[in-house]
Amino acid sequence: MISAYVTTGELLNKNTVKLDEKITLNSNKVKIIIEPIIEEKKKKRQFGCLKGKIIMKSDFNNPLEEFREYMP
């Protein structure tokens, strides 16, 4: 049975990869696929960015008809 491990790591130089976790293998020969991890930058929150996009109806604070029986 062939096992495959997926882990991350760091290229120290063109011949050396430092893995983030230890892996136990039954063979010294391995196949390595290197795929760069592109980290997305978090967008900085900006105060007032939704201004004008949220509209409150004029009857927002009016009691709901469904709860009329529970109100005094």
N, C-alpha and C. Protein backbone atom coordinates (compact mmCIF):
# COMPACT_ATOMS: atom_id res chain seq x y z
N MET A 1 0.84 -1.18 0.00
CA MET A 1 0.00 0.00 0.00
C MET A 1 0.89 1.24 0.00
N ILE A 2 0.58 2.18 -0.86
CA ILE A 2 1.35 3.41 -0.97
C ILE A 2 0.66 4.49 -0.14
N SER A 3 1.45 5.17 0.68
CA SER A 3 0.94 6.27 1.48
C SER A 3 1.45 7.58 0.93
N ALA A 4 0.64 8.60 1.00
CA ALA A 4 1.06 9.93 0.58
C ALA A 4 0.87 10.88 1.75
N TYR A 5 1.81 11.77 1.93
CA TYR A 5 1.74 12.75 3.00
C TYR A 5 1.65 14.14 2.38
N VAL A 6 0.79 14.96 2.91
CA VAL A 6 0.71 16.35 2.49
C VAL A 6 1.07 17.19 3.69
N THR A 7 2.10 17.99 3.53
CA THR A 7 2.54 18.86 4.60
C THR A 7 3.10 20.14 3.99
N THR A 8 3.42 21.07 4.82
CA THR A 8 4.00 22.31 4.34
C THR A 8 5.43 22.41 4.85
N GLY A 9 6.15 23.33 4.31
CA GLY A 9 7.52 23.51 4.73
C GLY A 9 8.11 24.77 4.14
N GLU A 10 9.43 24.83 4.19
CA GLU A 10 10.13 26.03 3.76
C GLU A 10 11.37 25.63 2.98
N LEU A 11 11.60 26.28 1.86
CA LEU A 11 12.83 26.05 1.11
C LEU A 11 13.96 26.82 1.77
N LEU A 12 14.97 26.10 2.25
CA LEU A 12 16.11 26.75 2.86
C LEU A 12 17.13 27.18 1.80
N ASN A 13 17.28 26.34 0.78
CA ASN A 13 18.08 26.67 -0.40
C ASN A 13 17.56 25.79 -1.53
N LYS A 14 18.24 25.76 -2.67
CA LYS A 14 17.69 25.03 -3.81
C LYS A 14 17.74 23.51 -3.63
N ASN A 15 18.45 23.01 -2.61
CA ASN A 15 18.54 21.56 -2.38
C ASN A 15 17.95 21.10 -1.05
N THR A 16 17.47 22.03 -0.23
CA THR A 16 17.03 21.67 1.12
C THR A 16 15.62 22.19 1.40
N VAL A 17 14.76 21.30 1.89
CA VAL A 17 13.40 21.65 2.30
C VAL A 17 13.26 21.31 3.77
N LYS A 18 12.82 22.25 4.58
CA LYS A 18 12.54 22.00 6.00
C LYS A 18 11.04 21.84 6.15
N LEU A 19 10.60 20.63 6.54
CA LEU A 19 9.17 20.34 6.68
C LEU A 19 8.67 20.85 8.03
N ASP A 20 7.39 21.20 8.09
CA ASP A 20 6.78 21.68 9.32
C ASP A 20 6.43 20.56 10.30
N GLU A 21 6.45 19.32 9.84
CA GLU A 21 6.17 18.18 10.71
C GLU A 21 7.03 16.99 10.32
N LYS A 22 7.23 16.08 11.26
CA LYS A 22 8.04 14.90 10.99
C LYS A 22 7.21 13.86 10.24
N ILE A 23 7.86 13.16 9.31
CA ILE A 23 7.20 12.13 8.52
C ILE A 23 8.02 10.85 8.62
N THR A 24 7.35 9.74 8.91
CA THR A 24 8.02 8.44 8.97
C THR A 24 7.78 7.71 7.66
N LEU A 25 8.87 7.34 6.99
CA LEU A 25 8.78 6.66 5.70
C LEU A 25 9.45 5.30 5.77
N ASN A 26 9.02 4.38 4.89
CA ASN A 26 9.62 3.06 4.81
C ASN A 26 10.70 3.00 3.73
N SER A 27 10.92 4.10 3.04
CA SER A 27 11.87 4.13 1.93
C SER A 27 12.65 5.43 1.97
N ASN A 28 13.85 5.43 1.41
CA ASN A 28 14.64 6.64 1.33
C ASN A 28 14.36 7.42 0.05
N LYS A 29 13.73 6.79 -0.93
CA LYS A 29 13.38 7.44 -2.19
C LYS A 29 11.97 8.02 -2.07
N VAL A 30 11.81 9.27 -2.45
CA VAL A 30 10.50 9.93 -2.37
C VAL A 30 10.26 10.74 -3.63
N LYS A 31 9.02 11.03 -3.90
CA LYS A 31 8.63 11.92 -4.98
C LYS A 31 8.11 13.20 -4.33
N ILE A 32 8.66 14.33 -4.73
CA ILE A 32 8.30 15.60 -4.11
C ILE A 32 7.69 16.51 -5.16
N ILE A 33 6.55 17.06 -4.83
CA ILE A 33 5.89 18.06 -5.68
C ILE A 33 5.92 19.37 -4.89
N ILE A 34 6.51 20.39 -5.46
CA ILE A 34 6.62 21.68 -4.76
C ILE A 34 5.62 22.64 -5.37
N GLU A 35 4.77 23.17 -4.51
CA GLU A 35 3.74 24.12 -4.92
C GLU A 35 3.83 25.33 -4.00
N PRO A 36 4.03 26.52 -4.54
CA PRO A 36 4.14 27.69 -3.67
C PRO A 36 2.81 28.01 -2.98
N ILE A 37 2.92 28.46 -1.74
CA ILE A 37 1.74 28.89 -0.99
C ILE A 37 1.66 30.40 -1.09
N ILE A 38 0.59 30.87 -1.68
CA ILE A 38 0.40 32.31 -1.83
C ILE A 38 -0.55 32.77 -0.73
N GLU A 39 -0.02 33.57 0.18
CA GLU A 39 -0.83 34.05 1.30
C GLU A 39 -1.58 35.30 0.86
N GLU A 40 -2.87 35.30 1.12
CA GLU A 40 -3.69 36.44 0.76
C GLU A 40 -3.54 37.52 1.83
N LYS A 41 -3.40 38.74 1.38
CA LYS A 41 -3.32 39.84 2.32
C LYS A 41 -4.74 40.16 2.80
N LYS A 42 -4.88 40.34 4.10
CA LYS A 42 -6.18 40.71 4.64
C LYS A 42 -6.44 42.18 4.34
N LYS A 43 -7.64 42.43 3.90
CA LYS A 43 -7.99 43.81 3.61
C LYS A 43 -8.20 44.55 4.94
N LYS A 44 -7.65 45.72 5.01
CA LYS A 44 -7.79 46.53 6.22
C LYS A 44 -9.21 47.08 6.28
N ARG A 45 -9.83 46.94 7.43
CA ARG A 45 -11.19 47.44 7.58
C ARG A 45 -11.18 48.96 7.56
N GLN A 46 -12.18 49.50 6.92
CA GLN A 46 -12.27 50.94 6.81
C GLN A 46 -13.62 51.38 7.37
N PHE A 47 -13.58 52.31 8.32
CA PHE A 47 -14.80 52.81 8.93
C PHE A 47 -15.69 53.47 7.89
N GLY A 48 -16.95 53.10 7.89
CA GLY A 48 -17.93 53.71 6.99
C GLY A 48 -17.96 53.13 5.60
N CYS A 49 -17.36 51.96 5.40
CA CYS A 49 -17.29 51.40 4.05
C CYS A 49 -18.65 50.91 3.54
N LEU A 50 -19.63 50.70 4.41
CA LEU A 50 -20.96 50.27 3.97
C LEU A 50 -21.99 51.41 3.99
N LYS A 51 -21.50 52.62 4.14
CA LYS A 51 -22.40 53.77 4.19
C LYS A 51 -23.21 53.84 2.90
N GLY A 52 -24.53 53.93 3.06
CA GLY A 52 -25.42 54.03 1.92
C GLY A 52 -25.84 52.69 1.34
N LYS A 53 -25.28 51.60 1.83
CA LYS A 53 -25.62 50.27 1.30
C LYS A 53 -26.63 49.54 2.17
N ILE A 54 -26.83 50.00 3.40
CA ILE A 54 -27.81 49.38 4.31
C ILE A 54 -28.94 50.38 4.52
N ILE A 55 -30.14 49.95 4.22
CA ILE A 55 -31.31 50.83 4.33
C ILE A 55 -32.27 50.25 5.36
N MET A 56 -32.64 51.07 6.34
CA MET A 56 -33.60 50.66 7.36
C MET A 56 -34.98 51.17 6.94
N LYS A 57 -35.96 50.31 6.98
CA LYS A 57 -37.32 50.72 6.65
C LYS A 57 -37.87 51.60 7.76
N SER A 58 -38.81 52.45 7.42
CA SER A 58 -39.36 53.40 8.38
C SER A 58 -40.13 52.70 9.50
N ASP A 59 -40.65 51.48 9.25
CA ASP A 59 -41.41 50.76 10.28
C ASP A 59 -40.54 49.72 11.02
N PHE A 60 -39.24 49.90 11.01
CA PHE A 60 -38.32 48.93 11.63
C PHE A 60 -38.63 48.71 13.11
N ASN A 61 -38.91 49.77 13.86
CA ASN A 61 -39.14 49.66 15.31
C ASN A 61 -40.59 49.36 15.67
N ASN A 62 -41.46 49.26 14.72
CA ASN A 62 -42.86 48.95 15.00
C ASN A 62 -42.98 47.49 15.47
N PRO A 63 -43.93 47.22 16.37
CA PRO A 63 -44.11 45.83 16.83
C PRO A 63 -44.53 44.91 15.68
N LEU A 64 -44.08 43.68 15.74
CA LEU A 64 -44.43 42.69 14.72
C LEU A 64 -45.81 42.12 15.03
N GLU A 65 -46.59 41.94 14.01
CA GLU A 65 -47.95 41.41 14.15
C GLU A 65 -47.95 40.02 14.77
N GLU A 66 -46.94 39.20 14.45
CA GLU A 66 -46.88 37.83 14.95
C GLU A 66 -46.71 37.75 16.47
N PHE A 67 -46.18 38.81 17.09
CA PHE A 67 -45.94 38.81 18.53
C PHE A 67 -46.94 39.68 19.29
N ARG A 68 -47.99 40.08 18.63
CA ARG A 68 -48.99 40.97 19.25
C ARG A 68 -49.58 40.36 20.52
N GLU A 69 -49.84 39.05 20.54
CA GLU A 69 -50.46 38.40 21.71
C GLU A 69 -49.55 38.36 22.93
N TYR A 70 -48.24 38.52 22.77
CA TYR A 70 -47.32 38.48 23.88
C TYR A 70 -47.05 39.85 24.49
N MET A 71 -47.53 40.89 23.85
CA MET A 71 -47.28 42.25 24.30
C MET A 71 -48.40 42.72 25.22
N PRO A 72 -48.05 43.52 26.22
CA PRO A 72 -49.09 44.01 27.17
C PRO A 72 -50.03 45.02 26.55
